[in-house]
Amino acid sequence: MCGVGSPKNMSKFREKILQASKKYYEETANSDWSHNFDHILRVERLAMRLGRQEKADLEALEAICLLFDVARGLEDKGEVADHAVAGAEIAKEILAQIKFPVMKIEKVCHAILVHRKSKGNVPQTLEAKIL
């Protein structure tokens, strides 16, 4: 999983995020073809392209893309009610562990929390809108 499909201009945190989130994505590898790790990589490629065009915070956007569905498997198994809410909490823990810039963690968590449009959430940052 790590290093696979690495986009150009990746941050120094990308591999650390991938390692820390690996156990969450392994659960969906064979059970949910529409939300497996390939989905994460597709979203990342497109979002980073848009992020460069729109002058987004690419370091935060990369983390957002790698973590936005981190709790999808937990929701699918009925362990959490909303993967966006749980994912924001998991992302906060992962990012703190890898010493991601503290000032960007809330931006990442906001984007993850509001990425489910069906819940009526409204993105407030450029990066959340890109996702």
C-alpha atoms as a PDB file:
ATOM      1  CA  MET A   1       0.000   0.000   0.000  1.00  0.00           C
ATOM      2  CA  CYS A   2       2.676   2.496   0.932  1.00  0.00           C
ATOM      3  CA  GLY A   3       4.367   4.264  -1.911  1.00  0.00           C
ATOM      4  CA  VAL A   4       1.789   2.950  -4.371  1.00  0.00           C
ATOM      5  CA  GLY A   5       0.427   5.610  -6.656  1.00  0.00           C
ATOM      6  CA  SER A   6       2.507   8.328  -5.001  1.00  0.00           C
ATOM      7  CA  PRO A   7       1.711  11.670  -6.601  1.00  0.00           C
ATOM      8  CA  LYS A   8       4.411  14.166  -7.435  1.00  0.00           C
ATOM      9  CA  ASN A   9       5.210  16.738  -4.779  1.00  0.00           C
ATOM     10  CA  MET A  10       4.139  14.495  -1.919  1.00  0.00           C
ATOM     11  CA  SER A  11       4.724  15.778   1.581  1.00  0.00           C
ATOM     12  CA  LYS A  12       7.084  14.320   4.156  1.00  0.00           C
ATOM     13  CA  PHE A  13       3.986  13.108   6.042  1.00  0.00           C
ATOM     14  CA  ARG A  14       2.460  10.964   3.278  1.00  0.00           C
ATOM     15  CA  GLU A  15       4.213   7.688   4.114  1.00  0.00           C
ATOM     16  CA  LYS A  16       3.646   8.187   7.841  1.00  0.00           C
ATOM     17  CA  ILE A  17      -0.079   8.731   7.256  1.00  0.00           C
ATOM     18  CA  LEU A  18      -0.246   5.663   5.026  1.00  0.00           C
ATOM     19  CA  GLN A  19       1.483   3.497   7.629  1.00  0.00           C
ATOM     20  CA  ALA A  20      -0.720   4.763  10.468  1.00  0.00           C
ATOM     21  CA  SER A  21      -3.952   4.318   8.510  1.00  0.00           C
ATOM     22  CA  LYS A  22      -3.090   0.994   6.876  1.00  0.00           C
ATOM     23  CA  LYS A  23      -5.023  -1.165   9.356  1.00  0.00           C
ATOM     24  CA  TYR A  24      -8.222   0.783   8.693  1.00  0.00           C
ATOM     25  CA  TYR A  25      -8.035   0.439   4.914  1.00  0.00           C
ATOM     26  CA  GLU A  26      -7.097  -3.245   4.976  1.00  0.00           C
ATOM     27  CA  GLU A  27     -10.569  -3.963   6.375  1.00  0.00           C
ATOM     28  CA  THR A  28     -12.280  -2.583   3.264  1.00  0.00           C
ATOM     29  CA  ALA A  29      -9.832  -4.082   0.756  1.00  0.00           C
ATOM     30  CA  ASN A  30     -12.069  -6.959  -0.306  1.00  0.00           C
ATOM     31  CA  SER A  31     -15.449  -6.001   1.089  1.00  0.00           C
ATOM     32  CA  ASP A  32     -16.195  -2.647  -0.515  1.00  0.00           C
ATOM     33  CA  TRP A  33     -14.931  -2.194  -4.061  1.00  0.00           C
ATOM     34  CA  SER A  34     -16.259   1.365  -4.302  1.00  0.00           C
ATOM     35  CA  HIS A  35     -14.515   2.507  -1.111  1.00  0.00           C
ATOM     36  CA  ASN A  36     -11.310   0.482  -1.107  1.00  0.00           C
ATOM     37  CA  PHE A  37      -7.841   2.023  -1.128  1.00  0.00           C
ATOM     38  CA  ASP A  38      -7.938   2.595  -4.892  1.00  0.00           C
ATOM     39  CA  HIS A  39     -10.803   5.016  -4.218  1.00  0.00           C
ATOM     40  CA  ILE A  40      -8.541   6.941  -1.845  1.00  0.00           C
ATOM     41  CA  LEU A  41      -5.798   7.169  -4.455  1.00  0.00           C
ATOM     42  CA  ARG A  42      -8.230   8.321  -7.166  1.00  0.00           C
ATOM     43  CA  VAL A  43      -9.612  11.031  -4.902  1.00  0.00           C
ATOM     44  CA  GLU A  44      -6.102  12.083  -3.932  1.00  0.00           C
ATOM     45  CA  ARG A  45      -4.907  12.397  -7.533  1.00  0.00           C
ATOM     46  CA  LEU A  46      -7.857  14.518  -8.577  1.00  0.00           C
ATOM     47  CA  ALA A  47      -7.942  16.629  -5.415  1.00  0.00           C
ATOM     48  CA  MET A  48      -4.225  17.385  -5.563  1.00  0.00           C
ATOM     49  CA  ARG A  49      -4.538  18.455  -9.192  1.00  0.00           C
ATOM     50  CA  LEU A  50      -7.391  20.788  -8.254  1.00  0.00           C
ATOM     51  CA  GLY A  51      -5.525  21.915  -5.149  1.00  0.00           C
ATOM     52  CA  ARG A  52      -2.505  23.000  -7.169  1.00  0.00           C
ATOM     53  CA  GLN A  53      -4.747  24.947  -9.550  1.00  0.00           C
ATOM     54  CA  GLU A  54      -6.656  26.605  -6.720  1.00  0.00           C
ATOM     55  CA  LYS A  55      -3.578  27.320  -4.561  1.00  0.00           C
ATOM     56  CA  ALA A  56      -4.822  25.169  -1.681  1.00  0.00           C
ATOM     57  CA  ASP A  57      -2.777  24.052   1.301  1.00  0.00           C
ATOM     58  CA  LEU A  58      -1.407  20.928  -0.374  1.00  0.00           C
ATOM     59  CA  GLU A  59       0.046  19.426   2.784  1.00  0.00           C
ATOM     60  CA  ALA A  60      -3.355  19.586   4.503  1.00  0.00           C
ATOM     61  CA  LEU A  61      -5.168  18.464   1.339  1.00  0.00           C
ATOM     62  CA  GLU A  62      -2.941  15.406   1.007  1.00  0.00           C
ATOM     63  CA  ALA A  63      -3.698  14.415   4.624  1.00  0.00           C
ATOM     64  CA  ILE A  64      -7.414  15.016   4.052  1.00  0.00           C
ATOM     65  CA  CYS A  65      -7.425  12.778   0.985  1.00  0.00           C
ATOM     66  CA  LEU A  66      -5.530   9.976   2.673  1.00  0.00           C
ATOM     67  CA  LEU A  67      -7.736  10.017   5.772  1.00  0.00           C
ATOM     68  CA  PHE A  68     -11.260  11.065   4.736  1.00  0.00           C
ATOM     69  CA  ASP A  69     -12.581   7.485   4.560  1.00  0.00           C
ATOM     70  CA  VAL A  70     -10.384   6.017   7.297  1.00  0.00           C
ATOM     71  CA  ALA A  71     -13.436   4.950   9.348  1.00  0.00           C
ATOM     72  CA  ARG A  72     -15.550   3.681   6.420  1.00  0.00           C
ATOM     73  CA  GLY A  73     -14.865   0.051   7.315  1.00  0.00           C
ATOM     74  CA  LEU A  74     -15.862   0.684  10.929  1.00  0.00           C
ATOM     75  CA  GLU A  75     -19.202   2.097   9.797  1.00  0.00           C
ATOM     76  CA  ASP A  76     -19.736  -0.798   7.405  1.00  0.00           C
ATOM     77  CA  LYS A  77     -19.237  -3.214  10.323  1.00  0.00           C
ATOM     78  CA  GLY A  78     -21.637  -1.232  12.519  1.00  0.00           C
ATOM     79  CA  GLU A  79     -18.918  -0.187  14.970  1.00  0.00           C
ATOM     80  CA  VAL A  80     -19.531   3.539  14.400  1.00  0.00           C
ATOM     81  CA  ALA A  81     -22.661   5.393  13.342  1.00  0.00           C
ATOM     82  CA  ASP A  82     -20.995   7.913  11.020  1.00  0.00           C
ATOM     83  CA  HIS A  83     -17.624   7.330   9.394  1.00  0.00           C
ATOM     84  CA  ALA A  84     -17.084  11.059   8.889  1.00  0.00           C
ATOM     85  CA  VAL A  85     -17.365  11.807  12.612  1.00  0.00           C
ATOM     86  CA  ALA A  86     -15.262   8.800  13.614  1.00  0.00           C
ATOM     87  CA  GLY A  87     -12.810   9.491  10.807  1.00  0.00           C
ATOM     88  CA  ALA A  88     -12.190  13.033  12.019  1.00  0.00           C
ATOM     89  CA  GLU A  89     -11.340  11.668  15.481  1.00  0.00           C
ATOM     90  CA  ILE A  90      -9.065   8.963  14.079  1.00  0.00           C
ATOM     91  CA  ALA A  91      -7.366  11.502  11.812  1.00  0.00           C
ATOM     92  CA  LYS A  92      -6.737  13.806  14.770  1.00  0.00           C
ATOM     93  CA  GLU A  93      -5.031  10.946  16.642  1.00  0.00           C
ATOM     94  CA  ILE A  94      -2.964   9.853  13.649  1.00  0.00           C
ATOM     95  CA  LEU A  95      -1.851  13.379  12.805  1.00  0.00           C
ATOM     96  CA  ALA A  96      -0.847  14.122  16.383  1.00  0.00           C
ATOM     97  CA  GLN A  97       1.162  10.865  16.510  1.00  0.00           C
ATOM     98  CA  ILE A  98       3.135  11.721  13.388  1.00  0.00           C
ATOM     99  CA  LYS A  99       3.714  15.321  14.502  1.00  0.00           C
ATOM    100  CA  PHE A 100       1.713  16.846  11.658  1.00  0.00           C
ATOM    101  CA  PRO A 101       1.605  20.664  11.939  1.00  0.00           C
ATOM    102  CA  VAL A 102      -0.811  21.372  14.798  1.00  0.00           C
ATOM    103  CA  MET A 103      -2.254  24.446  13.078  1.00  0.00           C
ATOM    104  CA  LYS A 104      -3.405  22.272  10.148  1.00  0.00           C
ATOM    105  CA  ILE A 105      -5.010  19.412  12.067  1.00  0.00           C
ATOM    106  CA  GLU A 106      -8.346  21.193  12.541  1.00  0.00           C
ATOM    107  CA  LYS A 107      -8.454  21.992   8.814  1.00  0.00           C
ATOM    108  CA  VAL A 108      -8.001  18.296   8.040  1.00  0.00           C
ATOM    109  CA  CYS A 109     -10.585  17.211  10.608  1.00  0.00           C
ATOM    110  CA  HIS A 110     -13.130  19.769   9.370  1.00  0.00           C
ATOM    111  CA  ALA A 111     -12.841  18.493   5.791  1.00  0.00           C
ATOM    112  CA  ILE A 112     -13.265  14.885   6.897  1.00  0.00           C
ATOM    113  CA  LEU A 113     -16.220  15.755   9.103  1.00  0.00           C
ATOM    114  CA  VAL A 114     -18.119  17.594   6.347  1.00  0.00           C
ATOM    115  CA  HIS A 115     -17.268  15.364   3.380  1.00  0.00           C
ATOM    116  CA  ARG A 116     -20.639  13.590   3.562  1.00  0.00           C
ATOM    117  CA  LYS A 117     -22.873  15.969   1.647  1.00  0.00           C
ATOM    118  CA  SER A 118     -25.909  13.801   2.431  1.00  0.00           C
ATOM    119  CA  LYS A 119     -25.656  14.945   6.052  1.00  0.00           C
ATOM    120  CA  GLY A 120     -26.184  18.587   5.054  1.00  0.00           C
ATOM    121  CA  ASN A 121     -22.690  19.642   6.110  1.00  0.00           C
ATOM    122  CA  VAL A 122     -21.220  22.729   4.493  1.00  0.00           C
ATOM    123  CA  PRO A 123     -17.479  22.889   3.810  1.00  0.00           C
ATOM    124  CA  GLN A 124     -15.897  26.059   5.175  1.00  0.00           C
ATOM    125  CA  THR A 125     -12.343  25.793   3.792  1.00  0.00           C
ATOM    126  CA  LEU A 126     -10.977  25.587   0.278  1.00  0.00           C
ATOM    127  CA  GLU A 127      -9.539  22.155   1.016  1.00  0.00           C
ATOM    128  CA  ALA A 128     -12.887  20.835   2.295  1.00  0.00           C
ATOM    129  CA  LYS A 129     -14.592  22.196  -0.820  1.00  0.00           C
ATOM    130  CA  ILE A 130     -12.029  20.464  -3.049  1.00  0.00           C
ATOM    131  CA  LEU A 131     -12.632  17.134  -1.317  1.00  0.00           C
END
